[in-house]
Amino acid sequence: IDALTGEPLVMDDGRWFKDGAGGMGEIAKLRDGSASQG
């Protein structure tokens, strides 16, 4: 949450934040349904 605007901080132009929300990016593949098929 942007502490100055009070809105969710969404990067929509190719930018990202480091370790947002405690490293949630680690589960991106599982969340996107694109996990390795083995």
ModelCIF file with pLDDT and N, C-alpha, C, O atoms, coordinates in Angstrom:
data_MODEL
#
_entry.id   MODEL 
#
_entity.id                         1 
_entity.type                       polymer 
_entity.pdbx_number_of_molecules   1 
#
_entity_poly.entity_id                      1 
_entity_poly.type                           'polypeptide(L)' 
_entity_poly.nstd_linkage                   no 
_entity_poly.nstd_monomer                   no 
_entity_poly.pdbx_seq_one_letter_code       IDALTGEPLVMDDGRWFKDGAGGMGEIAKLRDGSASQG 
_entity_poly.pdbx_seq_one_letter_code_can   IDALTGEPLVMDDGRWFKDGAGGMGEIAKLRDGSASQG 
_entity_poly.pdbx_strand_id                 A 
#
loop_
_entity_poly_seq.entity_id 
_entity_poly_seq.num 
_entity_poly_seq.mon_id 
_entity_poly_seq.hetero 
1 1  ILE n 
1 2  ASP n 
1 3  ALA n 
1 4  LEU n 
1 5  THR n 
1 6  GLY n 
1 7  GLU n 
1 8  PRO n 
1 9  LEU n 
1 10 VAL n 
1 11 MET n 
1 12 ASP n 
1 13 ASP n 
1 14 GLY n 
1 15 ARG n 
1 16 TRP n 
1 17 PHE n 
1 18 LYS n 
1 19 ASP n 
1 20 GLY n 
1 21 ALA n 
1 22 GLY n 
1 23 GLY n 
1 24 MET n 
1 25 GLY n 
1 26 GLU n 
1 27 ILE n 
1 28 ALA n 
1 29 LYS n 
1 30 LEU n 
1 31 ARG n 
1 32 ASP n 
1 33 GLY n 
1 34 SER n 
1 35 ALA n 
1 36 SER n 
1 37 GLN n 
1 38 GLY n 
#
_struct_asym.id          A 
_struct_asym.entity_id   1 
#
loop_
_ma_qa_metric.id 
_ma_qa_metric.mode 
_ma_qa_metric.name 
_ma_qa_metric.software_group_id 
_ma_qa_metric.type 
1 global pLDDT . pLDDT 
2 local  pLDDT . pLDDT 
#
_ma_qa_metric_global.metric_id      1 
_ma_qa_metric_global.metric_value   59.50 
_ma_qa_metric_global.model_id       1 
_ma_qa_metric_global.ordinal_id     1 
#
loop_
_ma_qa_metric_local.label_asym_id 
_ma_qa_metric_local.label_comp_id 
_ma_qa_metric_local.label_seq_id 
_ma_qa_metric_local.metric_id 
_ma_qa_metric_local.metric_value 
_ma_qa_metric_local.model_id 
_ma_qa_metric_local.ordinal_id 
A ILE 1  2 96.00 1 1  
A ASP 2  2 96.00 1 2  
A ALA 3  2 96.00 1 3  
A LEU 4  2 95.00 1 4  
A THR 5  2 95.00 1 5  
A GLY 6  2 96.00 1 6  
A GLU 7  2 95.00 1 7  
A PRO 8  2 94.00 1 8  
A LEU 9  2 92.00 1 9  
A VAL 10 2 86.00 1 10 
A MET 11 2 75.00 1 11 
A ASP 12 2 62.00 1 12 
A ASP 13 2 57.00 1 13 
A GLY 14 2 57.00 1 14 
A ARG 15 2 61.00 1 15 
A TRP 16 2 61.00 1 16 
A PHE 17 2 63.00 1 17 
A LYS 18 2 61.00 1 18 
A ASP 19 2 54.00 1 19 
A GLY 20 2 51.00 1 20 
A ALA 21 2 49.00 1 21 
A GLY 22 2 46.00 1 22 
A GLY 23 2 43.00 1 23 
A MET 24 2 42.00 1 24 
A GLY 25 2 39.00 1 25 
A GLU 26 2 38.00 1 26 
A ILE 27 2 38.00 1 27 
A ALA 28 2 39.00 1 28 
A LYS 29 2 37.00 1 29 
A LEU 30 2 36.00 1 30 
A ARG 31 2 38.00 1 31 
A ASP 32 2 41.00 1 32 
A GLY 33 2 40.00 1 33 
A SER 34 2 38.00 1 34 
A ALA 35 2 37.00 1 35 
A SER 36 2 37.00 1 36 
A GLN 37 2 40.00 1 37 
A GLY 38 2 40.00 1 38 
#
loop_
_atom_site.group_PDB 
_atom_site.id 
_atom_site.type_symbol 
_atom_site.label_atom_id 
_atom_site.label_alt_id 
_atom_site.label_comp_id 
_atom_site.label_asym_id 
_atom_site.label_entity_id 
_atom_site.label_seq_id 
_atom_site.pdbx_PDB_ins_code 
_atom_site.Cartn_x 
_atom_site.Cartn_y 
_atom_site.Cartn_z 
_atom_site.occupancy 
_atom_site.B_iso_or_equiv 
_atom_site.pdbx_formal_charge 
_atom_site.auth_seq_id 
_atom_site.auth_comp_id 
_atom_site.auth_asym_id 
_atom_site.auth_atom_id 
_atom_site.pdbx_PDB_model_num 
ATOM 1   N N  . ILE A 1 1  ? 0.859  -1.182  0.000   1.00 96.00 ? 1  ILE A N  1 
ATOM 2   C CA . ILE A 1 1  ? 0.000  0.000   0.000   1.00 96.00 ? 1  ILE A CA 1 
ATOM 3   C C  . ILE A 1 1  ? 0.894  1.231   0.000   1.00 96.00 ? 1  ILE A C  1 
ATOM 4   O O  . ILE A 1 1  ? 1.743  1.381   0.879   1.00 96.00 ? 1  ILE A O  1 
ATOM 5   N N  . ASP A 1 2  ? 0.711  2.110   -0.977  1.00 96.00 ? 2  ASP A N  1 
ATOM 6   C CA . ASP A 1 2  ? 1.467  3.367   -1.004  1.00 96.00 ? 2  ASP A CA 1 
ATOM 7   C C  . ASP A 1 2  ? 1.079  4.169   0.230   1.00 96.00 ? 2  ASP A C  1 
ATOM 8   O O  . ASP A 1 2  ? -0.089 4.506   0.423   1.00 96.00 ? 2  ASP A O  1 
ATOM 9   N N  . ALA A 1 3  ? 2.069  4.469   1.061   1.00 96.00 ? 3  ALA A N  1 
ATOM 10  C CA . ALA A 1 3  ? 1.782  5.117   2.343   1.00 96.00 ? 3  ALA A CA 1 
ATOM 11  C C  . ALA A 1 3  ? 1.384  6.573   2.190   1.00 96.00 ? 3  ALA A C  1 
ATOM 12  O O  . ALA A 1 3  ? 0.870  7.164   3.139   1.00 96.00 ? 3  ALA A O  1 
ATOM 13  N N  . LEU A 1 4  ? 1.605  7.173   1.024   1.00 95.00 ? 4  LEU A N  1 
ATOM 14  C CA . LEU A 1 4  ? 1.265  8.582   0.825   1.00 95.00 ? 4  LEU A CA 1 
ATOM 15  C C  . LEU A 1 4  ? -0.081 8.747   0.132   1.00 95.00 ? 4  LEU A C  1 
ATOM 16  O O  . LEU A 1 4  ? -0.822 9.685   0.428   1.00 95.00 ? 4  LEU A O  1 
ATOM 17  N N  . THR A 1 5  ? -0.402 7.841   -0.789  1.00 95.00 ? 5  THR A N  1 
ATOM 18  C CA . THR A 1 5  ? -1.684 7.947   -1.490  1.00 95.00 ? 5  THR A CA 1 
ATOM 19  C C  . THR A 1 5  ? -2.763 7.066   -0.882  1.00 95.00 ? 5  THR A C  1 
ATOM 20  O O  . THR A 1 5  ? -3.953 7.316   -1.075  1.00 95.00 ? 5  THR A O  1 
ATOM 21  N N  . GLY A 1 6  ? -2.357 6.040   -0.153  1.00 96.00 ? 6  GLY A N  1 
ATOM 22  C CA . GLY A 1 6  ? -3.320 5.116   0.421   1.00 96.00 ? 6  GLY A CA 1 
ATOM 23  C C  . GLY A 1 6  ? -3.867 4.114   -0.568  1.00 96.00 ? 6  GLY A C  1 
ATOM 24  O O  . GLY A 1 6  ? -4.835 3.415   -0.269  1.00 96.00 ? 6  GLY A O  1 
ATOM 25  N N  . GLU A 1 7  ? -3.259 4.030   -1.757  1.00 95.00 ? 7  GLU A N  1 
ATOM 26  C CA . GLU A 1 7  ? -3.709 3.106   -2.783  1.00 95.00 ? 7  GLU A CA 1 
ATOM 27  C C  . GLU A 1 7  ? -2.712 1.960   -2.931  1.00 95.00 ? 7  GLU A C  1 
ATOM 28  O O  . GLU A 1 7  ? -1.535 2.120   -2.605  1.00 95.00 ? 7  GLU A O  1 
ATOM 29  N N  . PRO A 1 8  ? -3.172 0.791   -3.426  1.00 94.00 ? 8  PRO A N  1 
ATOM 30  C CA . PRO A 1 8  ? -2.231 -0.299  -3.705  1.00 94.00 ? 8  PRO A CA 1 
ATOM 31  C C  . PRO A 1 8  ? -1.160 0.171   -4.688  1.00 94.00 ? 8  PRO A C  1 
ATOM 32  O O  . PRO A 1 8  ? -1.458 0.878   -5.651  1.00 94.00 ? 8  PRO A O  1 
ATOM 33  N N  . LEU A 1 9  ? 0.079  -0.223  -4.440  1.00 92.00 ? 9  LEU A N  1 
ATOM 34  C CA . LEU A 1 9  ? 1.200  0.199   -5.279  1.00 92.00 ? 9  LEU A CA 1 
ATOM 35  C C  . LEU A 1 9  ? 1.363  -0.822  -6.399  1.00 92.00 ? 9  LEU A C  1 
ATOM 36  O O  . LEU A 1 9  ? 1.939  -1.891  -6.197  1.00 92.00 ? 9  LEU A O  1 
ATOM 37  N N  . VAL A 1 10 ? 0.855  -0.487  -7.571  1.00 86.00 ? 10 VAL A N  1 
ATOM 38  C CA . VAL A 1 10 ? 0.888  -1.389  -8.715  1.00 86.00 ? 10 VAL A CA 1 
ATOM 39  C C  . VAL A 1 10 ? 1.848  -0.833  -9.751  1.00 86.00 ? 10 VAL A C  1 
ATOM 40  O O  . VAL A 1 10 ? 1.714  0.308   -10.192 1.00 86.00 ? 10 VAL A O  1 
ATOM 41  N N  . MET A 1 11 ? 2.811  -1.646  -10.131 1.00 75.00 ? 11 MET A N  1 
ATOM 42  C CA . MET A 1 11 ? 3.761  -1.267  -11.174 1.00 75.00 ? 11 MET A CA 1 
ATOM 43  C C  . MET A 1 11 ? 3.248  -1.817  -12.505 1.00 75.00 ? 11 MET A C  1 
ATOM 44  O O  . MET A 1 11 ? 3.243  -3.030  -12.715 1.00 75.00 ? 11 MET A O  1 
ATOM 45  N N  . ASP A 1 12 ? 2.820  -0.934  -13.399 1.00 62.00 ? 12 ASP A N  1 
ATOM 46  C CA . ASP A 1 12 ? 2.240  -1.387  -14.657 1.00 62.00 ? 12 ASP A CA 1 
ATOM 47  C C  . ASP A 1 12 ? 3.063  -0.988  -15.869 1.00 62.00 ? 12 ASP A C  1 
ATOM 48  O O  . ASP A 1 12 ? 2.562  -1.015  -16.993 1.00 62.00 ? 12 ASP A O  1 
ATOM 49  N N  . ASP A 1 13 ? 4.321  -0.617  -15.655 1.00 57.00 ? 13 ASP A N  1 
ATOM 50  C CA . ASP A 1 13 ? 5.140  -0.172  -16.785 1.00 57.00 ? 13 ASP A CA 1 
ATOM 51  C C  . ASP A 1 13 ? 6.482  -0.895  -16.813 1.00 57.00 ? 13 ASP A C  1 
ATOM 52  O O  . ASP A 1 13 ? 7.504  -0.307  -17.168 1.00 57.00 ? 13 ASP A O  1 
ATOM 53  N N  . GLY A 1 14 ? 6.473  -2.149  -16.443 1.00 57.00 ? 14 GLY A N  1 
ATOM 54  C CA . GLY A 1 14 ? 7.706  -2.932  -16.519 1.00 57.00 ? 14 GLY A CA 1 
ATOM 55  C C  . GLY A 1 14 ? 8.588  -2.808  -15.300 1.00 57.00 ? 14 GLY A C  1 
ATOM 56  O O  . GLY A 1 14 ? 9.684  -3.368  -15.275 1.00 57.00 ? 14 GLY A O  1 
ATOM 57  N N  . ARG A 1 15 ? 8.133  -2.081  -14.275 1.00 61.00 ? 15 ARG A N  1 
ATOM 58  C CA . ARG A 1 15 ? 8.921  -1.956  -13.048 1.00 61.00 ? 15 ARG A CA 1 
ATOM 59  C C  . ARG A 1 15 ? 8.418  -2.942  -11.999 1.00 61.00 ? 15 ARG A C  1 
ATOM 60  O O  . ARG A 1 15 ? 7.324  -3.493  -12.119 1.00 61.00 ? 15 ARG A O  1 
ATOM 61  N N  . TRP A 1 16 ? 9.220  -3.149  -10.989 1.00 61.00 ? 16 TRP A N  1 
ATOM 62  C CA . TRP A 1 16 ? 8.818  -4.040  -9.904  1.00 61.00 ? 16 TRP A CA 1 
ATOM 63  C C  . TRP A 1 16 ? 9.523  -3.585  -8.635  1.00 61.00 ? 16 TRP A C  1 
ATOM 64  O O  . TRP A 1 16 ? 10.460 -2.788  -8.681  1.00 61.00 ? 16 TRP A O  1 
ATOM 65  N N  . PHE A 1 17 ? 9.066  -4.098  -7.513  1.00 63.00 ? 17 PHE A N  1 
ATOM 66  C CA . PHE A 1 17 ? 9.676  -3.773  -6.243  1.00 63.00 ? 17 PHE A CA 1 
ATOM 67  C C  . PHE A 1 17 ? 10.359 -5.012  -5.699  1.00 63.00 ? 17 PHE A C  1 
ATOM 68  O O  . PHE A 1 17 ? 9.910  -6.135  -5.931  1.00 63.00 ? 17 PHE A O  1 
ATOM 69  N N  . LYS A 1 18 ? 11.422 -4.807  -4.989  1.00 61.00 ? 18 LYS A N  1 
ATOM 70  C CA . LYS A 1 18 ? 12.220 -5.922  -4.503  1.00 61.00 ? 18 LYS A CA 1 
ATOM 71  C C  . LYS A 1 18 ? 11.559 -6.568  -3.305  1.00 61.00 ? 18 LYS A C  1 
ATOM 72  O O  . LYS A 1 18 ? 11.263 -5.911  -2.307  1.00 61.00 ? 18 LYS A O  1 
ATOM 73  N N  . ASP A 1 19 ? 11.324 -7.910  -3.423  1.00 54.00 ? 19 ASP A N  1 
ATOM 74  C CA . ASP A 1 19 ? 10.798 -8.696  -2.305  1.00 54.00 ? 19 ASP A CA 1 
ATOM 75  C C  . ASP A 1 19 ? 9.522  -8.112  -1.730  1.00 54.00 ? 19 ASP A C  1 
ATOM 76  O O  . ASP A 1 19 ? 9.337  -8.091  -0.514  1.00 54.00 ? 19 ASP A O  1 
ATOM 77  N N  . GLY A 1 20 ? 8.643  -7.639  -2.600  1.00 51.00 ? 20 GLY A N  1 
ATOM 78  C CA . GLY A 1 20 ? 7.379  -7.115  -2.116  1.00 51.00 ? 20 GLY A CA 1 
ATOM 79  C C  . GLY A 1 20 ? 6.620  -8.143  -1.305  1.00 51.00 ? 20 GLY A C  1 
ATOM 80  O O  . GLY A 1 20 ? 6.535  -9.309  -1.691  1.00 51.00 ? 20 GLY A O  1 
ATOM 81  N N  . ALA A 1 21 ? 6.070  -7.716  -0.184  1.00 49.00 ? 21 ALA A N  1 
ATOM 82  C CA . ALA A 1 21 ? 5.271  -8.583  0.685   1.00 49.00 ? 21 ALA A CA 1 
ATOM 83  C C  . ALA A 1 21 ? 6.019  -9.829  1.116   1.00 49.00 ? 21 ALA A C  1 
ATOM 84  O O  . ALA A 1 21 ? 5.427  -10.898 1.270   1.00 49.00 ? 21 ALA A O  1 
ATOM 85  N N  . GLY A 1 22 ? 7.330  -9.689  1.311   1.00 46.00 ? 22 GLY A N  1 
ATOM 86  C CA . GLY A 1 22 ? 8.087  -10.793 1.865   1.00 46.00 ? 22 GLY A CA 1 
ATOM 87  C C  . GLY A 1 22 ? 8.389  -11.902 0.892   1.00 46.00 ? 22 GLY A C  1 
ATOM 88  O O  . GLY A 1 22 ? 8.365  -13.076 1.260   1.00 46.00 ? 22 GLY A O  1 
ATOM 89  N N  . GLY A 1 23 ? 8.681  -11.538 -0.385  1.00 43.00 ? 23 GLY A N  1 
ATOM 90  C CA . GLY A 1 23 ? 9.102  -12.555 -1.341  1.00 43.00 ? 23 GLY A CA 1 
ATOM 91  C C  . GLY A 1 23 ? 7.966  -13.344 -1.951  1.00 43.00 ? 23 GLY A C  1 
ATOM 92  O O  . GLY A 1 23 ? 8.113  -14.540 -2.205  1.00 43.00 ? 23 GLY A O  1 
ATOM 93  N N  . MET A 1 24 ? 6.819  -12.690 -2.194  1.00 42.00 ? 24 MET A N  1 
ATOM 94  C CA . MET A 1 24 ? 5.688  -13.410 -2.771  1.00 42.00 ? 24 MET A CA 1 
ATOM 95  C C  . MET A 1 24 ? 5.978  -13.889 -4.181  1.00 42.00 ? 24 MET A C  1 
ATOM 96  O O  . MET A 1 24 ? 5.316  -14.802 -4.674  1.00 42.00 ? 24 MET A O  1 
ATOM 97  N N  . GLY A 1 25 ? 6.976  -13.273 -4.847  1.00 39.00 ? 25 GLY A N  1 
ATOM 98  C CA . GLY A 1 25 ? 7.291  -13.682 -6.204  1.00 39.00 ? 25 GLY A CA 1 
ATOM 99  C C  . GLY A 1 25 ? 7.749  -15.115 -6.306  1.00 39.00 ? 25 GLY A C  1 
ATOM 100 O O  . GLY A 1 25 ? 7.731  -15.691 -7.394  1.00 39.00 ? 25 GLY A O  1 
ATOM 101 N N  . GLU A 1 26 ? 8.159  -15.706 -5.202  1.00 38.00 ? 26 GLU A N  1 
ATOM 102 C CA . GLU A 1 26 ? 8.657  -17.074 -5.250  1.00 38.00 ? 26 GLU A CA 1 
ATOM 103 C C  . GLU A 1 26 ? 7.586  -18.065 -5.656  1.00 38.00 ? 26 GLU A C  1 
ATOM 104 O O  . GLU A 1 26 ? 7.888  -19.161 -6.128  1.00 38.00 ? 26 GLU A O  1 
ATOM 105 N N  . ILE A 1 27 ? 6.323  -17.675 -5.469  1.00 38.00 ? 27 ILE A N  1 
ATOM 106 C CA . ILE A 1 27 ? 5.258  -18.614 -5.781  1.00 38.00 ? 27 ILE A CA 1 
ATOM 107 C C  . ILE A 1 27 ? 4.583  -18.282 -7.098  1.00 38.00 ? 27 ILE A C  1 
ATOM 108 O O  . ILE A 1 27 ? 3.552  -18.867 -7.430  1.00 38.00 ? 27 ILE A O  1 
ATOM 109 N N  . ALA A 1 28 ? 5.159  -17.332 -7.868  1.00 39.00 ? 28 ALA A N  1 
ATOM 110 C CA . ALA A 1 28 ? 4.508  -16.847 -9.082  1.00 39.00 ? 28 ALA A CA 1 
ATOM 111 C C  . ALA A 1 28 ? 4.179  -17.977 -10.042 1.00 39.00 ? 28 ALA A C  1 
ATOM 112 O O  . ALA A 1 28 ? 3.091  -18.011 -10.617 1.00 39.00 ? 28 ALA A O  1 
ATOM 113 N N  . LYS A 1 29 ? 5.110  -18.896 -10.217 1.00 37.00 ? 29 LYS A N  1 
ATOM 114 C CA . LYS A 1 29 ? 4.855  -19.963 -11.180 1.00 37.00 ? 29 LYS A CA 1 
ATOM 115 C C  . LYS A 1 29 ? 3.696  -20.844 -10.736 1.00 37.00 ? 29 LYS A C  1 
ATOM 116 O O  . LYS A 1 29 ? 2.889  -21.275 -11.559 1.00 37.00 ? 29 LYS A O  1 
ATOM 117 N N  . LEU A 1 30 ? 3.611  -21.111 -9.442  1.00 36.00 ? 30 LEU A N  1 
ATOM 118 C CA . LEU A 1 30 ? 2.499  -21.920 -8.962  1.00 36.00 ? 30 LEU A CA 1 
ATOM 119 C C  . LEU A 1 30 ? 1.189  -21.163 -9.117  1.00 36.00 ? 30 LEU A C  1 
ATOM 120 O O  . LEU A 1 30 ? 0.166  -21.738 -9.489  1.00 36.00 ? 30 LEU A O  1 
ATOM 121 N N  . ARG A 1 31 ? 1.233  -19.857 -8.826  1.00 38.00 ? 31 ARG A N  1 
ATOM 122 C CA . ARG A 1 31 ? 0.019  -19.068 -8.868  1.00 38.00 ? 31 ARG A CA 1 
ATOM 123 C C  . ARG A 1 31 ? -0.474 -18.904 -10.299 1.00 38.00 ? 31 ARG A C  1 
ATOM 124 O O  . ARG A 1 31 ? -1.679 -18.827 -10.534 1.00 38.00 ? 31 ARG A O  1 
ATOM 125 N N  . ASP A 1 32 ? 0.458  -18.850 -11.265 1.00 41.00 ? 32 ASP A N  1 
ATOM 126 C CA . ASP A 1 32 ? 0.081  -18.670 -12.656 1.00 41.00 ? 32 ASP A CA 1 
ATOM 127 C C  . ASP A 1 32 ? -0.280 -19.979 -13.330 1.00 41.00 ? 32 ASP A C  1 
ATOM 128 O O  . ASP A 1 32 ? -0.636 -19.986 -14.508 1.00 41.00 ? 32 ASP A O  1 
ATOM 129 N N  . GLY A 1 33 ? -0.196 -21.093 -12.603 1.00 40.00 ? 33 GLY A N  1 
ATOM 130 C CA . GLY A 1 33 ? -0.524 -22.365 -13.210 1.00 40.00 ? 33 GLY A CA 1 
ATOM 131 C C  . GLY A 1 33 ? 0.497  -22.802 -14.220 1.00 40.00 ? 33 GLY A C  1 
ATOM 132 O O  . GLY A 1 33 ? 0.202  -23.628 -15.084 1.00 40.00 ? 33 GLY A O  1 
ATOM 133 N N  . SER A 1 34 ? 1.734  -22.246 -14.127 1.00 38.00 ? 34 SER A N  1 
ATOM 134 C CA . SER A 1 34 ? 2.753  -22.598 -15.120 1.00 38.00 ? 34 SER A CA 1 
ATOM 135 C C  . SER A 1 34 ? 3.878  -23.374 -14.490 1.00 38.00 ? 34 SER A C  1 
ATOM 136 O O  . SER A 1 34 ? 5.025  -23.268 -14.925 1.00 38.00 ? 34 SER A O  1 
ATOM 137 N N  . ALA A 1 35 ? 3.568  -24.162 -13.462 1.00 37.00 ? 35 ALA A N  1 
ATOM 138 C CA . ALA A 1 35 ? 4.604  -24.953 -12.811 1.00 37.00 ? 35 ALA A CA 1 
ATOM 139 C C  . ALA A 1 35 ? 5.141  -25.999 -13.771 1.00 37.00 ? 35 ALA A C  1 
ATOM 140 O O  . ALA A 1 35 ? 4.458  -26.426 -14.702 1.00 37.00 ? 35 ALA A O  1 
ATOM 141 N N  . SER A 1 36 ? 6.374  -26.401 -13.524 1.00 37.00 ? 36 SER A N  1 
ATOM 142 C CA . SER A 1 36 ? 7.012  -27.391 -14.388 1.00 37.00 ? 36 SER A CA 1 
ATOM 143 C C  . SER A 1 36 ? 6.221  -28.688 -14.400 1.00 37.00 ? 36 SER A C  1 
ATOM 144 O O  . SER A 1 36 ? 5.712  -29.129 -13.369 1.00 37.00 ? 36 SER A O  1 
ATOM 145 N N  . GLN A 1 37 ? 6.125  -29.286 -15.565 1.00 40.00 ? 37 GLN A N  1 
ATOM 146 C CA . GLN A 1 37 ? 5.357  -30.519 -15.678 1.00 40.00 ? 37 GLN A CA 1 
ATOM 147 C C  . GLN A 1 37 ? 6.181  -31.748 -15.366 1.00 40.00 ? 37 GLN A C  1 
ATOM 148 O O  . GLN A 1 37 ? 5.655  -32.861 -15.368 1.00 40.00 ? 37 GLN A O  1 
ATOM 149 N N  . GLY A 1 38 ? 7.463  -31.570 -15.097 1.00 40.00 ? 38 GLY A N  1 
ATOM 150 C CA . GLY A 1 38 ? 8.285  -32.715 -14.742 1.00 40.00 ? 38 GLY A CA 1 
ATOM 151 C C  . GLY A 1 38 ? 8.672  -33.522 -15.964 1.00 40.00 ? 38 GLY A C  1 
ATOM 152 O O  . GLY A 1 38 ? 9.370  -34.529 -15.843 1.00 40.00 ? 38 GLY A O  1 
#
